[in-house]
C-alpha cells in the first residue's frame, strides 16, 4: 500500500519558477550572497533541484557558488543535526 497522497485533481500542478531564467542570470557569482540565500534552507542546506526548478547545469553552478561563498564566510554551513 502506497503512503503517498493522491495528487489534487482540482487544480493543475504549477511549474516551478526558474529564478535564474526569470532574472536573466547566465553566470552565477559566489559574491552575490543575496541571490544564493534564496537557494539554501533556513538550516543552511542547499535546496534540491526539484524544489528550486533549476536545470542541472544551473543547479551545479549554484552549488559550487554556495560552497565558495561558505568558504569565504558569506553564507553559513549547514546546522548540525542535533545539539546536545
N, C-alpha and C. Protein backbone atom coordinates (compact mmCIF):
# COMPACT_ATOMS: atom_id res chain seq x y z
N UNK A 1 0.84 -1.18 0.00
CA UNK A 1 0.00 0.00 0.00
C UNK A 1 0.89 1.24 0.00
N UNK A 2 0.60 2.16 -0.89
CA UNK A 2 1.40 3.37 -1.01
C UNK A 2 0.96 4.41 0.02
N UNK A 3 1.93 5.09 0.60
CA UNK A 3 1.64 6.13 1.60
C UNK A 3 1.63 7.52 0.99
N UNK A 4 1.93 7.63 -0.29
CA UNK A 4 1.96 8.93 -0.95
C UNK A 4 0.54 9.45 -1.10
N UNK A 5 0.31 10.73 -0.81
CA UNK A 5 -1.03 11.28 -1.00
C UNK A 5 -1.36 11.39 -2.48
N UNK A 6 -2.63 11.28 -2.76
CA UNK A 6 -3.06 11.39 -4.15
C UNK A 6 -2.95 12.85 -4.60
N UNK A 7 -2.56 13.07 -5.86
CA UNK A 7 -2.47 14.47 -6.31
C UNK A 7 -3.84 15.13 -6.33
N UNK A 8 -3.85 16.41 -6.02
CA UNK A 8 -5.09 17.17 -6.01
C UNK A 8 -5.54 17.39 -7.45
N UNK A 9 -6.67 16.84 -7.80
CA UNK A 9 -7.14 16.92 -9.18
C UNK A 9 -7.94 18.19 -9.45
N UNK A 10 -8.21 18.97 -8.40
CA UNK A 10 -8.99 20.19 -8.57
C UNK A 10 -8.23 21.27 -9.33
N UNK A 11 -6.94 21.34 -9.09
CA UNK A 11 -6.16 22.37 -9.78
C UNK A 11 -4.93 21.73 -10.42
N UNK A 12 -4.49 22.26 -11.55
CA UNK A 12 -3.33 21.66 -12.21
C UNK A 12 -2.04 21.96 -11.45
N UNK A 13 -1.05 21.09 -11.63
CA UNK A 13 0.23 21.28 -10.96
C UNK A 13 0.92 22.51 -11.53
N UNK A 14 1.47 23.33 -10.62
CA UNK A 14 2.15 24.54 -11.06
C UNK A 14 3.61 24.25 -11.30
N UNK A 15 4.12 24.76 -12.40
CA UNK A 15 5.53 24.58 -12.75
C UNK A 15 6.40 25.45 -11.83
N UNK A 16 7.55 24.91 -11.40
CA UNK A 16 8.45 25.68 -10.57
C UNK A 16 9.04 26.83 -11.40
N UNK A 17 9.18 27.99 -10.78
CA UNK A 17 9.74 29.15 -11.47
C UNK A 17 11.26 29.10 -11.35
N UNK A 18 11.94 29.16 -12.49
CA UNK A 18 13.39 29.18 -12.52
C UNK A 18 13.84 30.61 -12.24
N UNK A 19 14.37 30.85 -11.03
CA UNK A 19 14.77 32.20 -10.62
C UNK A 19 15.88 32.78 -11.49
N UNK A 20 16.79 31.94 -11.94
CA UNK A 20 17.89 32.44 -12.76
C UNK A 20 17.39 32.89 -14.12
N UNK A 21 16.51 32.10 -14.71
CA UNK A 21 15.96 32.48 -16.02
C UNK A 21 15.05 33.70 -15.90
N UNK A 22 14.29 33.78 -14.82
CA UNK A 22 13.39 34.92 -14.61
C UNK A 22 14.17 36.23 -14.46
N UNK A 23 15.35 36.16 -13.80
CA UNK A 23 16.17 37.35 -13.60
C UNK A 23 17.23 37.53 -14.69
N UNK A 24 17.18 36.67 -15.73
CA UNK A 24 18.12 36.71 -16.86
C UNK A 24 19.58 36.63 -16.40
N UNK A 25 19.85 35.70 -15.49
CA UNK A 25 21.20 35.48 -14.99
C UNK A 25 21.79 34.27 -15.71
N UNK A 26 22.91 34.49 -16.40
CA UNK A 26 23.54 33.39 -17.13
C UNK A 26 24.69 32.78 -16.35
N UNK A 27 25.43 33.59 -15.61
CA UNK A 27 26.57 33.12 -14.84
C UNK A 27 26.35 33.45 -13.37
N UNK A 28 26.46 32.45 -12.51
CA UNK A 28 26.24 32.64 -11.07
C UNK A 28 27.56 33.04 -10.42
N UNK A 29 27.53 34.09 -9.61
CA UNK A 29 28.73 34.58 -8.95
C UNK A 29 28.64 34.29 -7.45
N UNK A 30 29.72 33.78 -6.86
CA UNK A 30 29.70 33.43 -5.43
C UNK A 30 29.61 34.66 -4.54
N UNK A 31 29.92 35.84 -5.09
CA UNK A 31 29.88 37.07 -4.29
C UNK A 31 28.46 37.61 -4.12
N UNK A 32 27.51 37.10 -4.91
CA UNK A 32 26.12 37.56 -4.84
C UNK A 32 25.39 36.74 -3.77
N UNK A 33 25.64 37.07 -2.50
CA UNK A 33 25.10 36.30 -1.38
C UNK A 33 23.57 36.40 -1.31
N UNK A 34 23.00 37.54 -1.70
CA UNK A 34 21.54 37.69 -1.64
C UNK A 34 20.85 36.70 -2.56
N UNK A 35 21.38 36.52 -3.76
CA UNK A 35 20.81 35.55 -4.69
C UNK A 35 20.99 34.13 -4.16
N UNK A 36 22.17 33.84 -3.67
CA UNK A 36 22.47 32.47 -3.20
C UNK A 36 21.63 32.09 -1.99
N UNK A 37 21.27 33.06 -1.14
CA UNK A 37 20.44 32.77 0.04
C UNK A 37 19.08 32.20 -0.34
N UNK A 38 18.60 32.52 -1.54
CA UNK A 38 17.31 32.01 -1.99
C UNK A 38 17.37 30.51 -2.28
N UNK A 39 18.58 29.98 -2.42
CA UNK A 39 18.73 28.57 -2.77
C UNK A 39 19.21 27.72 -1.61
N UNK A 40 19.25 28.29 -0.40
CA UNK A 40 19.59 27.49 0.77
C UNK A 40 18.44 27.56 1.77
N UNK A 41 18.28 26.49 2.54
CA UNK A 41 17.20 26.42 3.52
C UNK A 41 17.56 27.25 4.74
N UNK A 42 16.62 27.35 5.67
CA UNK A 42 16.87 28.11 6.89
C UNK A 42 17.94 27.42 7.75
N UNK A 43 18.17 26.15 7.53
CA UNK A 43 19.21 25.42 8.25
C UNK A 43 20.55 25.48 7.53
N UNK A 44 20.59 26.10 6.35
CA UNK A 44 21.85 26.25 5.63
C UNK A 44 22.11 25.21 4.58
N UNK A 45 21.15 24.32 4.33
CA UNK A 45 21.34 23.28 3.32
C UNK A 45 20.97 23.80 1.93
N UNK A 46 21.65 23.28 0.92
CA UNK A 46 21.34 23.65 -0.46
C UNK A 46 20.04 22.96 -0.85
N UNK A 47 19.10 23.74 -1.40
CA UNK A 47 17.81 23.18 -1.79
C UNK A 47 17.96 22.30 -3.04
N UNK A 48 17.12 21.27 -3.10
CA UNK A 48 17.17 20.32 -4.21
C UNK A 48 16.66 20.95 -5.50
N UNK A 49 17.05 20.37 -6.60
CA UNK A 49 16.66 20.88 -7.91
C UNK A 49 15.15 20.79 -8.12
N UNK A 50 14.52 19.79 -7.56
CA UNK A 50 13.06 19.67 -7.71
C UNK A 50 12.34 20.77 -6.95
N UNK A 51 13.01 21.36 -5.96
CA UNK A 51 12.43 22.47 -5.21
C UNK A 51 12.70 23.80 -5.90
N UNK A 52 13.93 23.98 -6.39
CA UNK A 52 14.32 25.25 -6.99
C UNK A 52 13.83 25.42 -8.42
N UNK A 53 13.65 24.32 -9.14
CA UNK A 53 13.20 24.41 -10.53
C UNK A 53 14.29 24.77 -11.51
N UNK A 54 15.57 24.58 -11.11
CA UNK A 54 16.69 24.91 -11.98
C UNK A 54 17.02 23.75 -12.91
N UNK A 55 17.79 24.05 -13.96
CA UNK A 55 18.31 23.00 -14.83
C UNK A 55 19.49 22.35 -14.11
N UNK A 56 19.89 21.17 -14.54
CA UNK A 56 21.04 20.52 -13.87
C UNK A 56 22.31 21.37 -13.91
N UNK A 57 22.57 22.03 -15.03
CA UNK A 57 23.77 22.86 -15.14
C UNK A 57 23.69 24.05 -14.18
N UNK A 58 22.52 24.68 -14.08
CA UNK A 58 22.34 25.81 -13.18
C UNK A 58 22.47 25.37 -11.73
N UNK A 59 21.92 24.20 -11.40
CA UNK A 59 21.99 23.69 -10.03
C UNK A 59 23.44 23.45 -9.64
N UNK A 60 24.24 22.93 -10.57
CA UNK A 60 25.66 22.69 -10.30
C UNK A 60 26.38 24.02 -10.07
N UNK A 61 26.06 25.04 -10.88
CA UNK A 61 26.66 26.37 -10.71
C UNK A 61 26.29 26.95 -9.34
N UNK A 62 25.03 26.82 -8.96
CA UNK A 62 24.56 27.33 -7.67
C UNK A 62 25.28 26.62 -6.53
N UNK A 63 25.37 25.29 -6.61
CA UNK A 63 26.02 24.52 -5.55
C UNK A 63 27.48 24.92 -5.40
N UNK A 64 28.18 25.07 -6.51
CA UNK A 64 29.59 25.47 -6.46
C UNK A 64 29.73 26.87 -5.89
N UNK A 65 28.86 27.79 -6.32
CA UNK A 65 28.92 29.17 -5.83
C UNK A 65 28.63 29.23 -4.32
N UNK A 66 27.65 28.43 -3.86
CA UNK A 66 27.32 28.41 -2.43
C UNK A 66 28.51 27.88 -1.63
N UNK A 67 29.16 26.84 -2.14
CA UNK A 67 30.31 26.27 -1.43
C UNK A 67 31.45 27.27 -1.37
N UNK A 68 31.67 28.02 -2.45
CA UNK A 68 32.72 29.05 -2.44
C UNK A 68 32.36 30.18 -1.47
N UNK A 69 31.09 30.58 -1.47
CA UNK A 69 30.65 31.65 -0.57
C UNK A 69 30.76 31.22 0.89
N UNK A 70 30.51 29.94 1.16
CA UNK A 70 30.67 29.44 2.53
C UNK A 70 32.13 29.50 2.95
N UNK A 71 33.01 29.14 2.01
CA UNK A 71 34.44 29.17 2.30
C UNK A 71 34.92 30.59 2.61
N UNK A 72 34.30 31.57 1.97
CA UNK A 72 34.65 32.98 2.20
C UNK A 72 33.82 33.62 3.32
N UNK A 73 33.06 32.80 4.04
CA UNK A 73 32.25 33.22 5.19
C UNK A 73 31.14 34.20 4.82
N UNK A 74 30.61 34.10 3.60
CA UNK A 74 29.45 34.91 3.20
C UNK A 74 28.14 34.20 3.51
N UNK A 75 28.19 32.87 3.54
CA UNK A 75 27.00 32.06 3.82
C UNK A 75 27.33 31.05 4.92
N UNK A 76 26.31 30.60 5.67
CA UNK A 76 26.56 29.64 6.74
C UNK A 76 26.69 28.21 6.22
N UNK A 77 27.43 27.41 6.98
CA UNK A 77 27.46 25.98 6.73
C UNK A 77 26.18 25.39 7.31
N UNK A 78 25.78 24.18 6.87
CA UNK A 78 24.56 23.59 7.43
C UNK A 78 24.66 23.40 8.94
N UNK A 79 23.53 23.64 9.61
CA UNK A 79 23.48 23.43 11.06
C UNK A 79 23.57 21.95 11.36
N UNK A 80 24.20 21.62 12.48
CA UNK A 80 24.33 20.21 12.85
C UNK A 80 22.97 19.62 13.16
N UNK A 81 22.85 18.32 12.99
CA UNK A 81 21.58 17.63 13.17
C UNK A 81 20.97 17.80 14.54
N UNK A 82 21.74 17.47 15.58
CA UNK A 82 21.24 17.58 16.95
C UNK A 82 22.26 18.32 17.80
N UNK A 83 21.78 19.22 18.60
CA UNK A 83 22.66 19.90 19.55
C UNK A 83 22.35 19.33 20.94
N UNK A 84 23.38 18.86 21.61
CA UNK A 84 23.17 18.25 22.93
C UNK A 84 23.10 19.28 23.99
